[in-house]
C-alpha cells in the first residue's frame, strides 16, 4: 500500500496493490504523527474485493432507425485511474480510451463512436471488452459485454409471386402474393391500373382474381409500407388474355369434317344457342 498526492493540499490517494478477496472489509483513514494520531471513524470506507472485474456498459444515444446517426459508447469502472482498464470493441480498431471523473469523484474509462444506421445494422451484435491489469501489471483480467442492435427500417426487396404462372385456362383463379423485408413488418396494398387511374383492389398480402375478358390487359402492382413512411413498390404484374391456336382449331375442324363425309355420316345438327368452342388461355407475366 502507498499514498500518493499532497496531504497538505487535502489531495491524496491511497493505492492498494495485489488485492485478494479476503481484503474485503471496512477501512478507516488515519493520520499518525507521533505521538499524535487521528482516525476518521465517522467516515468509514467499505471495500469489497471481487475475483473478477465488473462488465463494461454499452450505451446508445438516439433512435435506432435507418438513416439516423447514433452515438455508441462503452464504459468501464476505473477504481484505479493510475492503472486503468483498456477498452476494445468490434466497431473500430484501437479506439482512443478516455478517462472521465464522475461527480462522486470516481473514474470511468470510455470509448465511443458515431455511426449512421442502415438495415444492415439490424441484428448486429456489439462486443466490448475491458482488460484490467492486476498484480502490479504482471497479469490481466478481462470482462466483456455484448449488445445486439434492433434497427427499424423501411421495406426492402419488395417482390411479387404469381400462382399459377405461365398459361392457364380462361376462368381460372390467379393468386398474387406480395413480400417484403421490413421492420416493423410491412403492410401491403394491391392496385390495378386502369384508364381512369389506379384502383385499390386489396389491403393484404394476397390478392386473387378471375380473368375472363379476352380483350382485357390488366396491370397490377403492390405497395409495401410501414411506420417509417418510405413506401416501396413491388414489380408490376401484367395479366393478358389471349386466344391461341385458332388456325390449328380451324384446320382440325376441316379435317374432321372430311373424315365424317368419307364415312357417309350425317353432320350433327347444331343447337341455336351453342357456340363454337375456342380455347382461351391467360398469359401471366411479371415485368
C-alpha atoms as a PDB file:
ATOM      1  CA  UNK A   1       0.000   0.000   0.000  1.00  0.00           C
ATOM      2  CA  UNK A   2       1.192   3.517  -0.757  1.00  0.00           C
ATOM      3  CA  UNK A   3      -0.168   7.056  -0.540  1.00  0.00           C
ATOM      4  CA  UNK A   4       0.276   9.481  -3.406  1.00  0.00           C
ATOM      5  CA  UNK A   5      -0.573  13.168  -3.682  1.00  0.00           C
ATOM      6  CA  UNK A   6      -0.117  16.152  -1.379  1.00  0.00           C
ATOM      7  CA  UNK A   7      -1.713  15.781   2.036  1.00  0.00           C
ATOM      8  CA  UNK A   8      -1.145  19.454   2.845  1.00  0.00           C
ATOM      9  CA  UNK A   9      -3.410  20.312  -0.095  1.00  0.00           C
ATOM     10  CA  UNK A  10      -6.000  17.790   1.084  1.00  0.00           C
ATOM     11  CA  UNK A  11      -5.406  15.834  -2.085  1.00  0.00           C
ATOM     12  CA  UNK A  12      -4.019  12.363  -1.641  1.00  0.00           C
ATOM     13  CA  UNK A  13      -4.745   8.854  -2.862  1.00  0.00           C
ATOM     14  CA  UNK A  14      -4.212   5.526  -1.168  1.00  0.00           C
ATOM     15  CA  UNK A  15      -3.045   2.908  -3.634  1.00  0.00           C
ATOM     16  CA  UNK A  16      -3.569  -0.775  -2.829  1.00  0.00           C
ATOM     17  CA  UNK A  17      -1.701  -3.387  -4.846  1.00  0.00           C
ATOM     18  CA  UNK A  18      -2.040  -7.150  -5.032  1.00  0.00           C
ATOM     19  CA  UNK A  19      -5.524  -7.180  -3.558  1.00  0.00           C
ATOM     20  CA  UNK A  20      -7.073 -10.527  -2.722  1.00  0.00           C
ATOM     21  CA  UNK A  21     -10.679 -11.350  -1.909  1.00  0.00           C
ATOM     22  CA  UNK A  22     -10.094 -11.656   1.842  1.00  0.00           C
ATOM     23  CA  UNK A  23      -9.170  -7.955   1.887  1.00  0.00           C
ATOM     24  CA  UNK A  24     -12.898  -7.227   1.836  1.00  0.00           C
ATOM     25  CA  UNK A  25     -13.536  -5.169   4.967  1.00  0.00           C
ATOM     26  CA  UNK A  26     -14.318  -1.755   6.432  1.00  0.00           C
ATOM     27  CA  UNK A  27     -11.416   0.695   6.361  1.00  0.00           C
ATOM     28  CA  UNK A  28     -10.752   3.992   8.137  1.00  0.00           C
ATOM     29  CA  UNK A  29      -8.365   6.739   7.182  1.00  0.00           C
ATOM     30  CA  UNK A  30      -5.828   7.507   9.889  1.00  0.00           C
ATOM     31  CA  UNK A  31      -3.123  10.128  10.237  1.00  0.00           C
ATOM     32  CA  UNK A  32      -0.202   9.311  12.512  1.00  0.00           C
ATOM     33  CA  UNK A  33       2.331  11.884  13.593  1.00  0.00           C
ATOM     34  CA  UNK A  34       3.894  10.594  16.745  1.00  0.00           C
ATOM     35  CA  UNK A  35       2.983  10.983  19.424  1.00  0.00           C
ATOM     36  CA  UNK A  36      -0.390  12.094  17.934  1.00  0.00           C
ATOM     37  CA  UNK A  37      -2.776  10.244  15.657  1.00  0.00           C
ATOM     38  CA  UNK A  38      -6.264  10.799  14.301  1.00  0.00           C
ATOM     39  CA  UNK A  39      -8.721   8.324  12.813  1.00  0.00           C
ATOM     40  CA  UNK A  40     -11.749   9.273  10.672  1.00  0.00           C
ATOM     41  CA  UNK A  41     -14.101   6.913  12.486  1.00  0.00           C
ATOM     42  CA  UNK A  42     -17.153   8.829  11.286  1.00  0.00           C
ATOM     43  CA  UNK A  43     -16.281   8.320   7.649  1.00  0.00           C
ATOM     44  CA  UNK A  44     -15.551   4.614   7.084  1.00  0.00           C
ATOM     45  CA  UNK A  45     -14.910   3.083   3.682  1.00  0.00           C
ATOM     46  CA  UNK A  46     -16.301  -0.307   2.748  1.00  0.00           C
ATOM     47  CA  UNK A  47     -14.081  -2.124   0.247  1.00  0.00           C
ATOM     48  CA  UNK A  48     -15.307  -5.253  -1.478  1.00  0.00           C
ATOM     49  CA  UNK A  49     -12.700  -7.190  -3.415  1.00  0.00           C
ATOM     50  CA  UNK A  50     -14.049  -9.380  -6.211  1.00  0.00           C
ATOM     51  CA  UNK A  51     -12.225 -12.091  -8.078  1.00  0.00           C
ATOM     52  CA  UNK A  52     -13.416 -10.843 -11.478  1.00  0.00           C
ATOM     53  CA  UNK A  53     -13.767  -7.261 -12.777  1.00  0.00           C
ATOM     54  CA  UNK A  54     -17.181  -5.702 -13.495  1.00  0.00           C
ATOM     55  CA  UNK A  55     -18.520  -5.899 -17.012  1.00  0.00           C
ATOM     56  CA  UNK A  56     -18.363  -2.737 -19.113  1.00  0.00           C
ATOM     57  CA  UNK A  57     -21.559  -0.906 -20.097  1.00  0.00           C
ATOM     58  CA  UNK A  58     -22.711  -0.294 -23.665  1.00  0.00           C
ATOM     59  CA  UNK A  59     -24.992   2.703 -24.171  1.00  0.00           C
ATOM     60  CA  UNK A  60     -26.657   4.012 -27.336  1.00  0.00           C
ATOM     61  CA  UNK A  61     -27.999   7.543 -27.710  1.00  0.00           C
ATOM     62  CA  UNK A  62     -30.620   8.209 -30.382  1.00  0.00           C
ATOM     63  CA  UNK A  63     -33.406   6.349 -32.165  1.00  0.00           C
ATOM     64  CA  UNK A  64     -32.483   3.011 -33.705  1.00  0.00           C
ATOM     65  CA  UNK A  65     -33.888   3.761 -37.158  1.00  0.00           C
ATOM     66  CA  UNK A  66     -32.221   3.592 -40.538  1.00  0.00           C
ATOM     67  CA  UNK A  67     -30.597   6.827 -41.746  1.00  0.00           C
ATOM     68  CA  UNK A  68     -30.381   8.070 -38.134  1.00  0.00           C
ATOM     69  CA  UNK A  69     -26.995   8.912 -36.593  1.00  0.00           C
ATOM     70  CA  UNK A  70     -26.419   7.436 -33.146  1.00  0.00           C
ATOM     71  CA  UNK A  71     -23.531   7.598 -30.710  1.00  0.00           C
ATOM     72  CA  UNK A  72     -22.499   4.278 -29.213  1.00  0.00           C
ATOM     73  CA  UNK A  73     -20.295   4.266 -26.132  1.00  0.00           C
ATOM     74  CA  UNK A  74     -18.686   1.616 -23.977  1.00  0.00           C
ATOM     75  CA  UNK A  75     -17.546   2.498 -20.474  1.00  0.00           C
ATOM     76  CA  UNK A  76     -15.872   0.634 -17.645  1.00  0.00           C
ATOM     77  CA  UNK A  77     -15.498   1.378 -13.975  1.00  0.00           C
ATOM     78  CA  UNK A  78     -11.982   2.570 -13.196  1.00  0.00           C
ATOM     79  CA  UNK A  79     -11.264   2.104  -9.492  1.00  0.00           C
ATOM     80  CA  UNK A  80      -7.595   2.859 -10.038  1.00  0.00           C
ATOM     81  CA  UNK A  81      -7.051   5.675 -12.571  1.00  0.00           C
ATOM     82  CA  UNK A  82      -3.295   5.141 -12.287  1.00  0.00           C
ATOM     83  CA  UNK A  83      -3.792   1.718 -13.834  1.00  0.00           C
ATOM     84  CA  UNK A  84      -6.986   1.971 -15.924  1.00  0.00           C
ATOM     85  CA  UNK A  85      -8.591  -0.801 -17.976  1.00  0.00           C
ATOM     86  CA  UNK A  86      -8.125  -0.912 -21.722  1.00  0.00           C
ATOM     87  CA  UNK A  87     -11.343  -0.948 -23.734  1.00  0.00           C
ATOM     88  CA  UNK A  88     -11.634  -2.573 -27.153  1.00  0.00           C
ATOM     89  CA  UNK A  89     -14.635  -3.416 -29.340  1.00  0.00           C
ATOM     90  CA  UNK A  90     -15.635  -4.648 -32.768  1.00  0.00           C
ATOM     91  CA  UNK A  91     -16.746  -1.235 -34.056  1.00  0.00           C
ATOM     92  CA  UNK A  92     -13.213   0.022 -34.676  1.00  0.00           C
ATOM     93  CA  UNK A  93      -9.605  -0.926 -34.113  1.00  0.00           C
ATOM     94  CA  UNK A  94      -7.586   0.663 -31.315  1.00  0.00           C
ATOM     95  CA  UNK A  95     -10.217   3.184 -30.180  1.00  0.00           C
ATOM     96  CA  UNK A  96      -8.883   6.076 -28.053  1.00  0.00           C
ATOM     97  CA  UNK A  97      -9.581   5.447 -24.348  1.00  0.00           C
ATOM     98  CA  UNK A  98     -10.643   8.477 -22.325  1.00  0.00           C
ATOM     99  CA  UNK A  99     -10.727   8.614 -18.517  1.00  0.00           C
ATOM    100  CA  UNK A 100     -13.502  10.767 -17.063  1.00  0.00           C
ATOM    101  CA  UNK A 101     -14.058  11.844 -13.472  1.00  0.00           C
ATOM    102  CA  UNK A 102     -17.604  11.377 -12.224  1.00  0.00           C
ATOM    103  CA  UNK A 103     -19.477  13.768  -9.888  1.00  0.00           C
ATOM    104  CA  UNK A 104     -18.903  11.349  -6.993  1.00  0.00           C
ATOM    105  CA  UNK A 105     -15.139  11.566  -7.641  1.00  0.00           C
ATOM    106  CA  UNK A 106     -14.946   8.053  -9.063  1.00  0.00           C
ATOM    107  CA  UNK A 107     -13.488   7.448 -12.517  1.00  0.00           C
ATOM    108  CA  UNK A 108     -14.729   5.858 -15.728  1.00  0.00           C
ATOM    109  CA  UNK A 109     -12.850   4.819 -18.855  1.00  0.00           C
ATOM    110  CA  UNK A 110     -14.869   5.331 -22.037  1.00  0.00           C
ATOM    111  CA  UNK A 111     -14.721   4.810 -25.794  1.00  0.00           C
ATOM    112  CA  UNK A 112     -17.365   5.950 -28.270  1.00  0.00           C
ATOM    113  CA  UNK A 113     -18.220   6.078 -31.960  1.00  0.00           C
ATOM    114  CA  UNK A 114     -20.952   7.747 -34.031  1.00  0.00           C
ATOM    115  CA  UNK A 115     -22.468   5.748 -36.896  1.00  0.00           C
ATOM    116  CA  UNK A 116     -25.329   6.191 -39.373  1.00  0.00           C
ATOM    117  CA  UNK A 117     -27.690   3.251 -39.156  1.00  0.00           C
ATOM    118  CA  UNK A 118     -28.965   1.159 -42.047  1.00  0.00           C
ATOM    119  CA  UNK A 119     -30.950  -2.052 -42.353  1.00  0.00           C
ATOM    120  CA  UNK A 120     -27.669  -3.998 -42.353  1.00  0.00           C
ATOM    121  CA  UNK A 121     -27.071  -2.960 -38.722  1.00  0.00           C
ATOM    122  CA  UNK A 122     -30.221  -4.742 -37.552  1.00  0.00           C
ATOM    123  CA  UNK A 123     -29.168  -7.817 -35.602  1.00  0.00           C
ATOM    124  CA  UNK A 124     -25.536  -6.683 -35.383  1.00  0.00           C
ATOM    125  CA  UNK A 125     -24.006  -7.522 -32.003  1.00  0.00           C
ATOM    126  CA  UNK A 126     -21.632  -5.009 -30.434  1.00  0.00           C
ATOM    127  CA  UNK A 127     -18.939  -6.633 -28.325  1.00  0.00           C
ATOM    128  CA  UNK A 128     -16.875  -4.556 -25.884  1.00  0.00           C
ATOM    129  CA  UNK A 129     -14.068  -5.876 -23.676  1.00  0.00           C
ATOM    130  CA  UNK A 130     -12.406  -4.251 -20.663  1.00  0.00           C
ATOM    131  CA  UNK A 131      -8.954  -5.572 -19.791  1.00  0.00           C
ATOM    132  CA  UNK A 132      -7.771  -4.735 -16.273  1.00  0.00           C
ATOM    133  CA  UNK A 133      -4.093  -5.006 -15.249  1.00  0.00           C
ATOM    134  CA  UNK A 134      -3.660  -6.854 -11.942  1.00  0.00           C
ATOM    135  CA  UNK A 135      -0.755  -7.965  -9.772  1.00  0.00           C
ATOM    136  CA  UNK A 136       1.104  -4.723 -10.496  1.00  0.00           C
ATOM    137  CA  UNK A 137       0.588  -5.155 -14.232  1.00  0.00           C
ATOM    138  CA  UNK A 138       2.052  -8.629 -14.497  1.00  0.00           C
ATOM    139  CA  UNK A 139      -1.346 -10.169 -15.236  1.00  0.00           C
ATOM    140  CA  UNK A 140      -4.655  -9.075 -16.717  1.00  0.00           C
ATOM    141  CA  UNK A 141      -8.308  -9.909 -16.187  1.00  0.00           C
ATOM    142  CA  UNK A 142     -10.937  -9.287 -18.827  1.00  0.00           C
ATOM    143  CA  UNK A 143     -14.669  -8.632 -18.694  1.00  0.00           C
ATOM    144  CA  UNK A 144     -16.921  -8.457 -21.753  1.00  0.00           C
ATOM    145  CA  UNK A 145     -20.339  -7.027 -22.602  1.00  0.00           C
ATOM    146  CA  UNK A 146     -22.489  -7.611 -25.691  1.00  0.00           C
ATOM    147  CA  UNK A 147     -25.477  -5.749 -27.069  1.00  0.00           C
ATOM    148  CA  UNK A 148     -27.492  -6.538 -30.194  1.00  0.00           C
ATOM    149  CA  UNK A 149     -28.894  -3.682 -32.283  1.00  0.00           C
ATOM    150  CA  UNK A 150     -32.605  -3.676 -33.047  1.00  0.00           C
ATOM    151  CA  UNK A 151     -32.878  -1.289 -36.001  1.00  0.00           C
ATOM    152  CA  UNK A 152     -36.142  -0.306 -37.691  1.00  0.00           C
ATOM    153  CA  UNK A 153     -36.073   0.130 -41.465  1.00  0.00           C
ATOM    154  CA  UNK A 154     -38.418   0.755 -44.365  1.00  0.00           C
ATOM    155  CA  UNK A 155     -39.494  -2.061 -46.733  1.00  0.00           C
ATOM    156  CA  UNK A 156     -36.702  -3.579 -48.818  1.00  0.00           C
ATOM    157  CA  UNK A 157     -36.593  -6.093 -51.691  1.00  0.00           C
ATOM    158  CA  UNK A 158     -40.335  -5.979 -52.320  1.00  0.00           C
ATOM    159  CA  UNK A 159     -41.339  -8.683 -54.802  1.00  0.00           C
ATOM    160  CA  UNK A 160     -44.396 -10.362 -56.278  1.00  0.00           C
ATOM    161  CA  UNK A 161     -45.059 -14.049 -56.863  1.00  0.00           C
ATOM    162  CA  UNK A 162     -47.759 -15.470 -59.150  1.00  0.00           C
ATOM    163  CA  UNK A 163     -49.641 -18.735 -58.909  1.00  0.00           C
ATOM    164  CA  UNK A 164     -50.175 -20.382 -61.266  1.00  0.00           C
ATOM    165  CA  UNK A 165     -47.550 -18.950 -63.578  1.00  0.00           C
ATOM    166  CA  UNK A 166     -47.464 -19.225 -67.344  1.00  0.00           C
ATOM    167  CA  UNK A 167     -50.649 -20.137 -69.233  1.00  0.00           C
ATOM    168  CA  UNK A 168     -53.894 -21.109 -67.550  1.00  0.00           C
ATOM    169  CA  UNK A 169     -57.376 -21.722 -68.829  1.00  0.00           C
ATOM    170  CA  UNK A 170     -59.783 -18.807 -69.041  1.00  0.00           C
ATOM    171  CA  UNK A 171     -61.987 -18.569 -65.993  1.00  0.00           C
ATOM    172  CA  UNK A 172     -59.264 -19.816 -63.662  1.00  0.00           C
ATOM    173  CA  UNK A 173     -58.299 -18.009 -60.479  1.00  0.00           C
ATOM    174  CA  UNK A 174     -54.940 -16.242 -60.331  1.00  0.00           C
ATOM    175  CA  UNK A 175     -53.248 -15.655 -56.966  1.00  0.00           C
ATOM    176  CA  UNK A 176     -50.781 -12.808 -56.394  1.00  0.00           C
ATOM    177  CA  UNK A 177     -48.550 -12.626 -53.316  1.00  0.00           C
ATOM    178  CA  UNK A 178     -46.507  -9.613 -52.225  1.00  0.00           C
ATOM    179  CA  UNK A 179     -43.484  -9.989 -49.934  1.00  0.00           C
ATOM    180  CA  UNK A 180     -41.001  -7.542 -48.454  1.00  0.00           C
ATOM    181  CA  UNK A 181     -38.251  -7.354 -45.856  1.00  0.00           C
ATOM    182  CA  UNK A 182     -39.141  -4.654 -43.323  1.00  0.00           C
ATOM    183  CA  UNK A 183     -39.042  -3.842 -39.622  1.00  0.00           C
ATOM    184  CA  UNK A 184     -41.646  -3.443 -38.292  1.00  0.00           C
ATOM    185  CA  UNK A 185     -43.393  -5.803 -40.736  1.00  0.00           C
ATOM    186  CA  UNK A 186     -44.817  -4.158 -43.834  1.00  0.00           C
ATOM    187  CA  UNK A 187     -48.447  -3.557 -44.689  1.00  0.00           C
ATOM    188  CA  UNK A 188     -49.394  -4.374 -48.274  1.00  0.00           C
ATOM    189  CA  UNK A 189     -51.769  -2.716 -50.741  1.00  0.00           C
ATOM    190  CA  UNK A 190     -52.710  -4.004 -54.194  1.00  0.00           C
ATOM    191  CA  UNK A 191     -53.601  -1.669 -57.062  1.00  0.00           C
ATOM    192  CA  UNK A 192     -54.921  -2.180 -60.574  1.00  0.00           C
ATOM    193  CA  UNK A 193     -54.047   0.222 -63.374  1.00  0.00           C
ATOM    194  CA  UNK A 194     -56.938   1.399 -65.498  1.00  0.00           C
ATOM    195  CA  UNK A 195     -57.629   4.162 -67.989  1.00  0.00           C
ATOM    196  CA  UNK A 196     -59.282   6.109 -65.167  1.00  0.00           C
ATOM    197  CA  UNK A 197     -56.253   5.784 -62.890  1.00  0.00           C
ATOM    198  CA  UNK A 198     -55.051   3.352 -60.264  1.00  0.00           C
ATOM    199  CA  UNK A 199     -57.748   1.422 -58.406  1.00  0.00           C
ATOM    200  CA  UNK A 200     -57.192  -0.091 -54.962  1.00  0.00           C
ATOM    201  CA  UNK A 201     -58.263  -3.742 -55.023  1.00  0.00           C
ATOM    202  CA  UNK A 202     -56.912  -5.220 -51.762  1.00  0.00           C
ATOM    203  CA  UNK A 203     -55.212  -4.316 -48.470  1.00  0.00           C
ATOM    204  CA  UNK A 204     -53.438  -7.565 -47.651  1.00  0.00           C
ATOM    205  CA  UNK A 205     -50.555  -9.806 -48.641  1.00  0.00           C
ATOM    206  CA  UNK A 206     -52.607 -11.892 -51.083  1.00  0.00           C
ATOM    207  CA  UNK A 207     -54.894 -10.895 -53.939  1.00  0.00           C
ATOM    208  CA  UNK A 208     -56.892 -13.356 -56.036  1.00  0.00           C
ATOM    209  CA  UNK A 209     -58.914 -12.632 -59.160  1.00  0.00           C
ATOM    210  CA  UNK A 210     -60.624 -14.384 -62.054  1.00  0.00           C
ATOM    211  CA  UNK A 211     -59.860 -13.279 -65.613  1.00  0.00           C
ATOM    212  CA  UNK A 212     -62.414 -13.999 -68.333  1.00  0.00           C
ATOM    213  CA  UNK A 213     -62.281 -10.966 -70.628  1.00  0.00           C
ATOM    214  CA  UNK A 214     -60.363 -11.951 -73.735  1.00  0.00           C
ATOM    215  CA  UNK A 215     -59.619  -8.406 -74.829  1.00  0.00           C
ATOM    216  CA  UNK A 216     -58.588  -7.083 -71.439  1.00  0.00           C
ATOM    217  CA  UNK A 217     -54.971  -6.336 -70.492  1.00  0.00           C
ATOM    218  CA  UNK A 218     -54.614  -5.750 -66.768  1.00  0.00           C
ATOM    219  CA  UNK A 219     -51.659  -4.355 -64.836  1.00  0.00           C
ATOM    220  CA  UNK A 220     -51.380  -4.980 -61.077  1.00  0.00           C
ATOM    221  CA  UNK A 221     -48.795  -3.849 -58.564  1.00  0.00           C
ATOM    222  CA  UNK A 222     -48.362  -3.919 -54.790  1.00  0.00           C
ATOM    223  CA  UNK A 223     -47.040  -1.300 -52.376  1.00  0.00           C
ATOM    224  CA  UNK A 224     -45.281  -2.166 -49.102  1.00  0.00           C
ATOM    225  CA  UNK A 225     -45.317   0.383 -46.265  1.00  0.00           C
ATOM    226  CA  UNK A 226     -44.572   0.545 -42.541  1.00  0.00           C
ATOM    227  CA  UNK A 227     -44.203   3.173 -39.821  1.00  0.00           C
ATOM    228  CA  UNK A 228     -41.069   4.633 -41.398  1.00  0.00           C
ATOM    229  CA  UNK A 229     -43.213   6.193 -44.145  1.00  0.00           C
ATOM    230  CA  UNK A 230     -40.989   5.186 -47.046  1.00  0.00           C
ATOM    231  CA  UNK A 231     -43.170   3.020 -49.332  1.00  0.00           C
ATOM    232  CA  UNK A 232     -41.605   0.608 -51.795  1.00  0.00           C
ATOM    233  CA  UNK A 233     -43.362  -0.544 -54.935  1.00  0.00           C
ATOM    234  CA  UNK A 234     -43.351  -4.160 -55.983  1.00  0.00           C
ATOM    235  CA  UNK A 235     -42.766  -5.241 -59.572  1.00  0.00           C
ATOM    236  CA  UNK A 236     -45.736  -4.691 -61.916  1.00  0.00           C
ATOM    237  CA  UNK A 237     -47.679  -7.795 -62.901  1.00  0.00           C
ATOM    238  CA  UNK A 238     -49.276  -7.762 -66.336  1.00  0.00           C
ATOM    239  CA  UNK A 239     -52.119 -10.177 -66.970  1.00  0.00           C
ATOM    240  CA  UNK A 240     -53.023 -10.625 -70.636  1.00  0.00           C
ATOM    241  CA  UNK A 241     -55.843 -12.773 -72.007  1.00  0.00           C
ATOM    242  CA  UNK A 242     -55.176 -14.216 -75.457  1.00  0.00           C
ATOM    243  CA  UNK A 243     -56.863 -16.572 -77.926  1.00  0.00           C
ATOM    244  CA  UNK A 244     -54.340 -19.158 -79.041  1.00  0.00           C
ATOM    245  CA  UNK A 245     -54.478 -21.962 -81.573  1.00  0.00           C
ATOM    246  CA  UNK A 246     -57.310 -20.560 -83.769  1.00  0.00           C
ATOM    247  CA  UNK A 247     -55.726 -21.612 -87.071  1.00  0.00           C
ATOM    248  CA  UNK A 248     -54.935 -25.016 -85.681  1.00  0.00           C
ATOM    249  CA  UNK A 249     -58.507 -25.395 -84.495  1.00  0.00           C
ATOM    250  CA  UNK A 250     -59.957 -24.432 -87.881  1.00  0.00           C
ATOM    251  CA  UNK A 251     -57.660 -26.903 -89.671  1.00  0.00           C
ATOM    252  CA  UNK A 252     -58.702 -29.626 -87.277  1.00  0.00           C
ATOM    253  CA  UNK A 253     -62.385 -28.905 -87.927  1.00  0.00           C
ATOM    254  CA  UNK A 254     -61.898 -29.149 -91.710  1.00  0.00           C
ATOM    255  CA  UNK A 255     -60.050 -32.448 -91.443  1.00  0.00           C
ATOM    256  CA  UNK A 256     -62.676 -33.782 -89.061  1.00  0.00           C
ATOM    257  CA  UNK A 257     -65.490 -32.768 -91.455  1.00  0.00           C
ATOM    258  CA  UNK A 258     -63.803 -34.522 -94.376  1.00  0.00           C
ATOM    259  CA  UNK A 259     -63.382 -37.633 -92.262  1.00  0.00           C
ATOM    260  CA  UNK A 260     -67.078 -37.605 -91.426  1.00  0.00           C
ATOM    261  CA  UNK A 261     -68.090 -37.248 -95.079  1.00  0.00           C
ATOM    262  CA  UNK A 262     -65.837 -40.103 -96.073  1.00  0.00           C
ATOM    263  CA  UNK A 263     -67.739 -42.304 -93.639  1.00  0.00           C
ATOM    264  CA  UNK A 264     -71.037 -41.035 -95.055  1.00  0.00           C
ATOM    265  CA  UNK A 265     -72.169 -39.852 -91.676  1.00  0.00           C
ATOM    266  CA  UNK A 266     -74.661 -37.100 -91.185  1.00  0.00           C
ATOM    267  CA  UNK A 267     -73.244 -33.929 -89.682  1.00  0.00           C
ATOM    268  CA  UNK A 268     -74.743 -33.265 -86.235  1.00  0.00           C
ATOM    269  CA  UNK A 269     -77.312 -30.525 -86.031  1.00  0.00           C
ATOM    270  CA  UNK A 270     -76.026 -27.568 -84.023  1.00  0.00           C
ATOM    271  CA  UNK A 271     -78.311 -26.089 -81.387  1.00  0.00           C
ATOM    272  CA  UNK A 272     -79.214 -22.466 -81.869  1.00  0.00           C
ATOM    273  CA  UNK A 273     -77.704 -21.451 -78.529  1.00  0.00           C
ATOM    274  CA  UNK A 274     -74.464 -23.398 -78.913  1.00  0.00           C
ATOM    275  CA  UNK A 275     -71.203 -21.579 -79.714  1.00  0.00           C
ATOM    276  CA  UNK A 276     -68.020 -22.808 -81.341  1.00  0.00           C
ATOM    277  CA  UNK A 277     -65.517 -23.621 -78.618  1.00  0.00           C
ATOM    278  CA  UNK A 278     -62.284 -21.670 -78.829  1.00  0.00           C
ATOM    279  CA  UNK A 279     -59.727 -22.422 -76.173  1.00  0.00           C
ATOM    280  CA  UNK A 280     -58.949 -19.290 -74.218  1.00  0.00           C
ATOM    281  CA  UNK A 281     -55.829 -19.069 -72.104  1.00  0.00           C
ATOM    282  CA  UNK A 282     -54.306 -16.484 -69.834  1.00  0.00           C
ATOM    283  CA  UNK A 283     -50.708 -15.468 -70.120  1.00  0.00           C
ATOM    284  CA  UNK A 284     -49.324 -14.088 -66.872  1.00  0.00           C
ATOM    285  CA  UNK A 285     -46.025 -12.331 -66.758  1.00  0.00           C
ATOM    286  CA  UNK A 286     -44.138 -10.012 -64.434  1.00  0.00           C
ATOM    287  CA  UNK A 287     -42.238  -7.097 -65.876  1.00  0.00           C
END
